[in-house]
N, C-alpha and C. Protein backbone atom coordinates (compact mmCIF):
# COMPACT_ATOMS: atom_id res chain seq x y z
N MET A 1 74.30 212.09 233.44
CA MET A 1 75.60 212.09 232.61
C MET A 1 76.43 213.32 232.65
N SER A 2 77.62 213.56 232.88
CA SER A 2 78.56 214.55 232.92
C SER A 2 78.98 214.62 231.26
N ARG A 3 78.91 216.20 231.27
CA ARG A 3 79.84 215.86 230.03
C ARG A 3 81.26 216.88 229.21
N ARG A 4 81.93 216.18 229.19
CA ARG A 4 83.60 216.26 228.71
C ARG A 4 83.63 217.55 227.53
N PRO A 5 84.57 218.18 227.26
CA PRO A 5 84.35 219.04 225.96
C PRO A 5 83.19 218.96 224.82
N ASP A 6 83.28 217.70 224.38
CA ASP A 6 82.21 217.24 223.27
C ASP A 6 81.66 215.90 223.63
N SER A 7 81.66 215.70 224.82
CA SER A 7 81.05 214.22 224.71
C SER A 7 80.53 214.44 226.48
N TRP A 8 78.99 213.26 226.36
CA TRP A 8 78.31 212.95 227.20
C TRP A 8 78.72 211.87 228.08
N ILE A 9 79.11 211.56 229.62
CA ILE A 9 79.24 210.93 230.50
C ILE A 9 78.44 210.69 231.65
N VAL A 10 78.26 209.55 232.48
CA VAL A 10 78.08 209.61 233.35
C VAL A 10 78.64 210.13 234.80
N PRO A 11 77.94 210.79 235.61
CA PRO A 11 79.46 211.40 236.89
C PRO A 11 79.60 210.69 237.64
N GLY A 12 80.96 210.51 238.02
CA GLY A 12 81.04 209.77 239.15
C GLY A 12 82.53 210.15 239.56
N GLY A 13 83.27 209.63 240.44
CA GLY A 13 84.88 209.86 241.04
C GLY A 13 85.24 208.87 241.92
N GLY A 14 85.83 209.42 242.59
CA GLY A 14 87.13 208.35 243.06
C GLY A 14 86.43 208.47 244.54
N VAL A 15 86.68 207.38 245.14
CA VAL A 15 86.13 207.28 247.05
C VAL A 15 87.18 207.67 247.95
N GLU A 16 87.00 208.57 248.16
CA GLU A 16 88.05 209.27 249.20
C GLU A 16 87.86 208.28 250.59
N PRO A 17 89.47 208.55 251.07
CA PRO A 17 89.87 207.91 252.43
C PRO A 17 88.16 207.55 253.39
N GLU A 18 88.27 206.42 253.74
CA GLU A 18 87.29 206.60 254.96
C GLU A 18 86.18 206.84 254.57
N GLU A 19 85.91 207.14 253.16
CA GLU A 19 84.05 207.91 252.60
C GLU A 19 83.65 206.34 252.22
N GLU A 20 82.14 206.33 252.31
CA GLU A 20 81.26 205.43 252.03
C GLU A 20 81.02 205.78 250.57
N PRO A 21 81.10 204.40 249.26
CA PRO A 21 80.72 204.70 248.15
C PRO A 21 79.04 205.48 248.00
N ALA A 22 78.41 205.25 248.99
CA ALA A 22 77.12 205.82 248.35
C ALA A 22 77.31 207.48 248.65
N VAL A 23 77.78 207.28 249.89
CA VAL A 23 78.37 209.30 250.21
C VAL A 23 79.02 209.86 248.77
N THR A 24 80.06 208.58 248.50
CA THR A 24 81.29 209.51 246.89
C THR A 24 79.97 209.70 246.02
N ALA A 25 79.07 208.41 245.71
CA ALA A 25 77.67 209.16 244.82
C ALA A 25 77.27 210.24 244.59
N LEU A 26 76.66 210.58 246.07
CA LEU A 26 76.18 212.15 246.50
C LEU A 26 77.00 213.05 246.21
N ARG A 27 78.33 212.91 246.82
CA ARG A 27 78.86 214.30 246.59
C ARG A 27 79.35 214.27 245.07
N GLU A 28 79.39 213.62 244.43
CA GLU A 28 79.98 213.56 242.75
C GLU A 28 78.84 213.97 242.17
N VAL A 29 77.20 213.78 241.99
CA VAL A 29 76.57 214.16 241.70
C VAL A 29 76.39 215.57 241.70
N ARG A 30 76.68 216.14 242.94
CA ARG A 30 76.33 217.61 243.60
C ARG A 30 77.43 218.34 242.80
N GLU A 31 79.06 217.77 242.60
CA GLU A 31 79.97 218.47 242.49
C GLU A 31 80.24 218.49 240.94
N GLU A 32 79.90 217.79 239.90
CA GLU A 32 79.58 217.30 238.68
C GLU A 32 78.49 218.15 238.05
N ALA A 33 76.99 217.38 238.72
CA ALA A 33 76.25 217.97 238.05
C ALA A 33 75.10 218.69 238.86
N GLY A 34 75.40 219.16 239.80
CA GLY A 34 74.70 220.29 240.77
C GLY A 34 73.42 220.12 241.47
N VAL A 35 73.41 218.47 241.16
CA VAL A 35 72.11 217.88 241.47
C VAL A 35 72.09 217.18 242.81
N LEU A 36 71.03 217.33 243.57
CA LEU A 36 70.88 217.01 245.11
C LEU A 36 69.87 216.13 245.02
N GLY A 37 69.86 215.52 246.27
CA GLY A 37 68.88 213.91 245.94
C GLY A 37 68.83 213.10 246.68
N GLN A 38 68.11 211.77 246.98
CA GLN A 38 68.52 210.58 247.71
C GLN A 38 68.57 209.43 246.42
N LEU A 39 69.80 208.92 247.40
CA LEU A 39 70.05 207.36 246.57
C LEU A 39 68.87 206.35 246.63
N GLY A 40 68.54 205.91 245.80
CA GLY A 40 67.32 204.57 245.61
C GLY A 40 68.42 203.06 245.26
N ARG A 41 67.83 202.43 245.06
CA ARG A 41 68.42 201.01 244.49
C ARG A 41 70.02 200.96 244.09
N CYS A 42 70.74 199.83 244.64
CA CYS A 42 72.24 200.21 243.46
C CYS A 42 71.55 199.19 242.16
N LEU A 43 72.18 199.91 241.27
CA LEU A 43 71.79 198.96 240.35
C LEU A 43 72.97 197.82 240.01
N GLY A 44 74.24 198.20 240.77
CA GLY A 44 74.91 197.25 240.35
C GLY A 44 76.77 197.77 240.56
N ILE A 45 77.58 196.53 240.71
CA ILE A 45 78.52 197.19 240.71
C ILE A 45 79.17 196.42 239.10
N PHE A 46 79.97 197.42 238.90
CA PHE A 46 80.72 197.03 237.20
C PHE A 46 82.03 197.29 237.17
N GLU A 47 82.63 196.41 237.26
CA GLU A 47 84.14 195.83 237.08
C GLU A 47 85.02 196.06 236.07
N SER A 48 86.06 196.84 235.64
CA SER A 48 86.69 196.51 234.63
C SER A 48 88.39 196.35 234.81
N VAL A 49 88.48 194.98 234.74
CA VAL A 49 89.70 193.85 235.05
C VAL A 49 90.88 194.77 234.47
N GLU A 50 90.29 195.25 232.98
CA GLU A 50 91.69 195.87 232.20
C GLU A 50 91.86 197.42 232.87
N HIS A 51 91.02 197.97 233.39
CA HIS A 51 91.39 199.20 234.19
C HIS A 51 91.76 199.15 235.70
N LYS A 52 91.26 197.96 236.47
CA LYS A 52 91.47 197.84 237.65
C LYS A 52 90.78 198.66 238.23
N HIS A 53 89.51 198.46 238.07
CA HIS A 53 88.75 199.97 238.55
C HIS A 53 86.97 198.93 238.74
N ARG A 54 86.37 199.67 239.86
CA ARG A 54 85.27 198.93 239.82
C ARG A 54 84.45 200.26 240.33
N THR A 55 82.94 200.05 240.07
CA THR A 55 82.46 201.24 240.07
C THR A 55 81.01 200.95 240.52
N GLN A 56 80.09 201.57 241.20
CA GLN A 56 79.17 201.14 242.15
C GLN A 56 78.25 202.17 241.20
N VAL A 57 76.83 201.88 241.08
CA VAL A 57 76.03 202.77 240.15
C VAL A 57 74.07 202.81 241.25
N TRP A 58 74.14 203.94 241.29
CA TRP A 58 72.40 203.48 242.32
C TRP A 58 71.65 204.92 241.16
N VAL A 59 70.47 204.36 240.94
CA VAL A 59 69.31 204.93 241.02
C VAL A 59 69.28 206.52 242.11
N MET A 60 68.74 207.70 241.51
CA MET A 60 69.11 208.84 242.33
C MET A 60 67.43 209.60 242.21
N GLN A 61 66.94 209.78 243.56
CA GLN A 61 65.34 210.48 243.44
C GLN A 61 66.12 212.05 243.68
N VAL A 62 65.89 212.96 242.24
CA VAL A 62 66.18 214.37 242.40
C VAL A 62 65.77 214.97 243.19
N THR A 63 66.36 215.81 244.21
CA THR A 63 65.16 216.71 244.74
C THR A 63 65.11 217.99 244.90
N GLU A 64 66.12 218.43 244.32
CA GLU A 64 66.90 219.59 243.90
C GLU A 64 68.24 219.93 242.54
N GLU A 65 67.93 220.87 241.64
CA GLU A 65 68.82 220.97 240.75
C GLU A 65 69.04 222.64 241.48
N LEU A 66 70.70 222.71 241.30
CA LEU A 66 71.42 224.03 241.68
C LEU A 66 71.63 224.75 240.59
N PRO A 67 71.16 225.64 240.64
CA PRO A 67 71.80 227.31 239.33
C PRO A 67 72.57 227.17 239.47
N GLU A 68 73.98 226.95 240.31
CA GLU A 68 75.45 227.20 240.08
C GLU A 68 76.21 225.93 240.94
N TRP A 69 77.03 225.55 240.63
CA TRP A 69 77.41 224.14 241.63
C TRP A 69 78.89 224.54 240.82
N GLU A 70 79.66 223.92 241.41
CA GLU A 70 81.23 223.41 241.82
C GLU A 70 81.94 223.58 240.74
N ASP A 71 81.73 222.64 239.69
CA ASP A 71 82.11 222.37 238.11
C ASP A 71 81.60 223.40 237.43
N SER A 72 80.51 223.67 236.95
CA SER A 72 79.42 224.87 236.20
C SER A 72 80.93 226.11 236.52
N ARG A 73 81.03 226.34 237.55
CA ARG A 73 82.04 227.73 238.08
C ARG A 73 83.31 227.33 237.52
N ALA A 74 84.05 226.06 238.07
CA ALA A 74 85.42 225.76 237.56
C ALA A 74 85.87 225.70 236.33
N ILE A 75 84.81 224.93 235.61
CA ILE A 75 85.07 223.97 234.28
C ILE A 75 84.05 224.27 233.22
N GLY A 76 82.78 224.81 233.72
CA GLY A 76 81.91 225.44 232.78
C GLY A 76 80.87 224.54 232.70
N ARG A 77 80.81 223.16 233.55
CA ARG A 77 80.44 221.94 233.27
C ARG A 77 78.99 222.79 233.02
N LYS A 78 77.49 221.64 231.93
CA LYS A 78 76.82 222.17 232.11
C LYS A 78 76.09 221.04 232.08
N ARG A 79 74.53 220.77 232.37
CA ARG A 79 73.72 219.75 232.52
C ARG A 79 72.29 220.17 231.71
N LYS A 80 71.83 218.26 231.09
CA LYS A 80 70.57 218.68 230.55
C LYS A 80 69.89 217.19 230.48
N TRP A 81 68.80 216.89 230.74
CA TRP A 81 67.86 215.74 230.88
C TRP A 81 67.86 214.81 229.36
N PHE A 82 68.03 213.65 229.50
CA PHE A 82 67.87 213.10 228.15
C PHE A 82 66.71 212.06 228.38
N SER A 83 66.38 211.62 227.31
CA SER A 83 65.32 210.21 227.75
C SER A 83 66.33 208.83 227.78
N ILE A 84 65.79 207.66 227.78
CA ILE A 84 66.53 207.09 228.28
C ILE A 84 67.28 206.70 226.57
N PRO A 85 66.64 206.32 225.92
CA PRO A 85 67.13 206.21 224.39
C PRO A 85 68.15 207.12 224.09
N GLU A 86 67.87 208.39 224.09
CA GLU A 86 69.11 209.65 223.68
C GLU A 86 70.16 209.28 224.48
N ALA A 87 70.01 208.76 226.05
CA ALA A 87 71.15 208.70 226.74
C ALA A 87 72.04 207.59 226.71
N LEU A 88 71.33 206.53 225.89
CA LEU A 88 72.54 205.44 225.46
C LEU A 88 72.86 205.85 223.95
N LEU A 89 71.99 206.61 223.00
CA LEU A 89 72.72 207.44 221.99
C LEU A 89 74.39 208.07 222.40
N GLN A 90 73.92 208.85 223.42
CA GLN A 90 75.21 210.03 223.85
C GLN A 90 76.21 208.69 223.87
N LEU A 91 76.32 207.93 225.23
CA LEU A 91 76.97 207.47 225.57
C LEU A 91 77.37 206.41 224.70
N ALA A 92 76.91 205.96 223.63
CA ALA A 92 77.50 205.10 222.35
C ALA A 92 78.26 205.83 222.01
N GLN A 93 78.58 206.98 221.58
CA GLN A 93 79.51 207.72 221.04
C GLN A 93 81.09 207.81 221.55
N HIS A 94 80.97 207.70 222.91
CA HIS A 94 82.39 208.71 223.47
C HIS A 94 82.43 207.64 224.77
N LYS A 95 81.19 207.04 225.04
CA LYS A 95 81.43 206.05 226.65
C LYS A 95 80.77 204.69 227.06
N PRO A 96 81.07 203.97 225.35
CA PRO A 96 80.19 202.76 225.31
C PRO A 96 79.86 201.58 226.62
N VAL A 97 81.12 201.54 227.44
CA VAL A 97 81.21 201.32 229.02
C VAL A 97 79.90 201.74 229.46
N GLN A 98 79.78 202.87 229.94
CA GLN A 98 78.82 203.45 230.44
C GLN A 98 77.39 203.31 230.05
N ARG A 99 76.90 202.52 228.96
CA ARG A 99 75.61 202.50 228.99
C ARG A 99 75.48 200.96 229.22
N SER A 100 76.35 200.43 229.71
CA SER A 100 75.93 199.02 230.84
C SER A 100 75.08 199.84 231.72
N TYR A 101 75.50 200.51 232.76
CA TYR A 101 74.53 201.59 233.38
C TYR A 101 73.30 201.44 232.64
N ILE A 102 73.31 202.32 231.73
CA ILE A 102 71.55 202.68 231.94
C ILE A 102 70.86 201.24 231.67
N HIS A 103 71.53 200.34 230.38
CA HIS A 103 71.21 198.93 230.19
C HIS A 103 70.39 198.35 231.24
N SER A 104 71.93 198.21 232.62
CA SER A 104 70.84 197.48 233.51
C SER A 104 69.59 198.41 234.34
N LEU A 105 69.89 199.99 234.08
CA LEU A 105 68.56 200.17 234.84
C LEU A 105 67.39 200.36 234.13
N HIS A 106 67.09 199.89 232.80
CA HIS A 106 65.85 199.70 231.86
C HIS A 106 65.46 198.37 232.10
N ASN A 107 66.79 197.44 231.90
CA ASN A 107 66.19 196.02 232.63
C ASN A 107 65.90 195.60 233.96
N THR A 108 65.98 196.34 235.17
CA THR A 108 65.65 196.05 236.22
C THR A 108 64.76 196.70 236.57
N ASN A 109 63.99 197.44 235.53
CA ASN A 109 62.97 198.33 236.21
C ASN A 109 61.64 197.52 235.84
N PRO A 110 60.59 197.45 236.79
CA PRO A 110 59.39 196.60 236.56
C PRO A 110 58.75 197.00 235.44
N ARG A 111 58.79 198.12 234.89
CA ARG A 111 58.08 198.86 234.31
C ARG A 111 58.03 198.74 232.94
N HIS A 112 59.75 198.32 232.52
CA HIS A 112 60.30 197.83 231.49
C HIS A 112 60.47 196.26 231.06
N ASN A 113 60.70 195.75 232.32
CA ASN A 113 60.70 194.15 232.22
C ASN A 113 59.76 193.59 232.99
N PRO A 114 58.96 192.79 232.42
CA PRO A 114 57.60 192.20 233.04
C PRO A 114 57.77 191.17 233.72
N ASN A 115 58.86 190.69 233.68
CA ASN A 115 59.26 189.18 234.59
C ASN A 115 60.33 189.97 235.99
N ILE A 116 60.27 190.87 236.26
CA ILE A 116 60.30 191.39 237.73
C ILE A 116 58.85 191.88 238.29
N SER A 117 58.73 191.31 239.61
CA SER A 117 57.83 191.70 240.02
C SER A 117 57.80 191.71 241.34
N SER A 118 58.41 192.54 241.82
CA SER A 118 58.55 192.60 243.18
C SER A 118 57.54 193.92 243.97
N PRO A 119 57.14 193.87 244.88
CA PRO A 119 56.45 194.74 245.61
C PRO A 119 57.48 195.85 245.90
N HIS A 120 58.22 195.65 246.07
CA HIS A 120 59.57 196.74 246.52
C HIS A 120 59.46 197.70 245.24
N HIS A 121 59.31 197.46 244.38
CA HIS A 121 60.15 198.16 242.53
C HIS A 121 58.58 198.81 242.46
N SER A 122 57.55 198.12 242.66
CA SER A 122 56.29 198.46 241.60
C SER A 122 55.85 199.65 241.58
N HIS A 123 56.36 200.56 242.43
CA HIS A 123 56.18 201.86 242.40
C HIS A 123 57.28 202.82 241.72
N THR A 124 58.65 202.21 241.10
CA THR A 124 59.74 202.89 240.56
C THR A 124 59.12 203.41 239.02
N THR A 125 59.36 204.25 238.57
CA THR A 125 59.31 204.34 237.60
C THR A 125 60.81 205.46 236.94
N VAL A 126 60.96 205.41 235.85
CA VAL A 126 62.03 205.65 235.22
C VAL A 126 62.07 206.62 234.63
N THR A 127 62.25 207.95 234.31
CA THR A 127 61.50 208.84 233.30
C THR A 127 63.12 209.98 232.88
N SER A 128 64.12 210.07 233.12
CA SER A 128 64.80 210.61 232.45
C SER A 128 66.30 210.04 232.80
N ILE A 129 67.37 210.60 232.29
CA ILE A 129 68.63 210.94 232.94
C ILE A 129 68.99 212.09 232.41
N GLN A 130 70.18 212.64 233.24
CA GLN A 130 70.49 213.92 232.92
C GLN A 130 72.36 214.18 232.96
N LEU A 131 72.42 214.65 231.66
CA LEU A 131 73.78 214.54 231.15
C LEU A 131 74.72 215.95 231.56
N MET A 132 75.77 216.04 231.66
CA MET A 132 76.55 217.35 231.42
C MET A 132 77.63 217.34 230.56
N ASN A 133 78.07 218.74 230.38
CA ASN A 133 79.09 218.64 229.62
C ASN A 133 80.39 219.65 230.22
N ASN A 134 81.34 219.98 229.86
CA ASN A 134 82.22 220.89 230.02
C ASN A 134 82.22 222.27 229.40
N SER A 135 81.56 222.43 228.44
CA SER A 135 81.94 223.51 227.62
C SER A 135 80.48 224.35 227.51
N SER A 136 80.04 225.61 227.32
CA SER A 136 78.97 225.96 227.55
C SER A 136 77.49 225.60 227.06
N SER A 137 78.08 224.85 225.68
CA SER A 137 77.08 224.25 225.11
C SER A 137 76.37 222.32 225.41
N ASN A 138 76.88 221.79 226.52
CA ASN A 138 77.25 220.83 226.45
C ASN A 138 76.60 220.12 228.07
N PRO A 139 76.26 219.23 228.29
CA PRO A 139 75.75 218.30 229.79
C PRO A 139 76.36 217.36 230.22
N HIS A 140 75.76 216.74 231.54
CA HIS A 140 76.19 215.78 232.19
C HIS A 140 74.91 214.51 232.49
N LEU A 141 75.30 213.47 233.18
CA LEU A 141 73.63 212.62 233.28
C LEU A 141 73.79 211.91 234.93
N ASN A 142 72.30 212.59 234.85
CA ASN A 142 72.28 211.39 236.13
C ASN A 142 70.70 210.67 236.06
N LYS A 143 70.45 209.89 236.98
CA LYS A 143 69.59 209.25 236.83
C LYS A 143 68.39 209.32 237.74
N HIS A 144 67.31 209.48 237.49
CA HIS A 144 66.04 209.94 238.22
C HIS A 144 65.04 208.76 238.00
N SER A 145 64.28 208.82 239.15
CA SER A 145 63.41 208.05 238.91
C SER A 145 62.28 207.89 240.03
């Protein structure tokens, strides 16, 4: 998650011309959360007709957390890891639409949903969500599997 001055949100942003959505996801997480890694499975595409907006969300295997990154220097963003229940509480306060991303993560994880029995997902475990904010006491969110 990423944090605005007093709220936590999932990091993300607009796709640049000629940029693939997966490349955008990696760029935005690096810029906003200072995290590097590899994308895993796509959790889904979430559309808002009201806002004429479409969002693709992925699970990410974090390989490195940068001590400083673009948004930490430019606007003082911070990051923090939250458990899934804690992340859901944070998002409920300021970004309830983004809770659907975390619900999708939880509901499609075979460890949490016994109705899913795919050999491709049997090794996947979700441990925490990273959140970030704009102030020195607030963070942002990234998925970690």
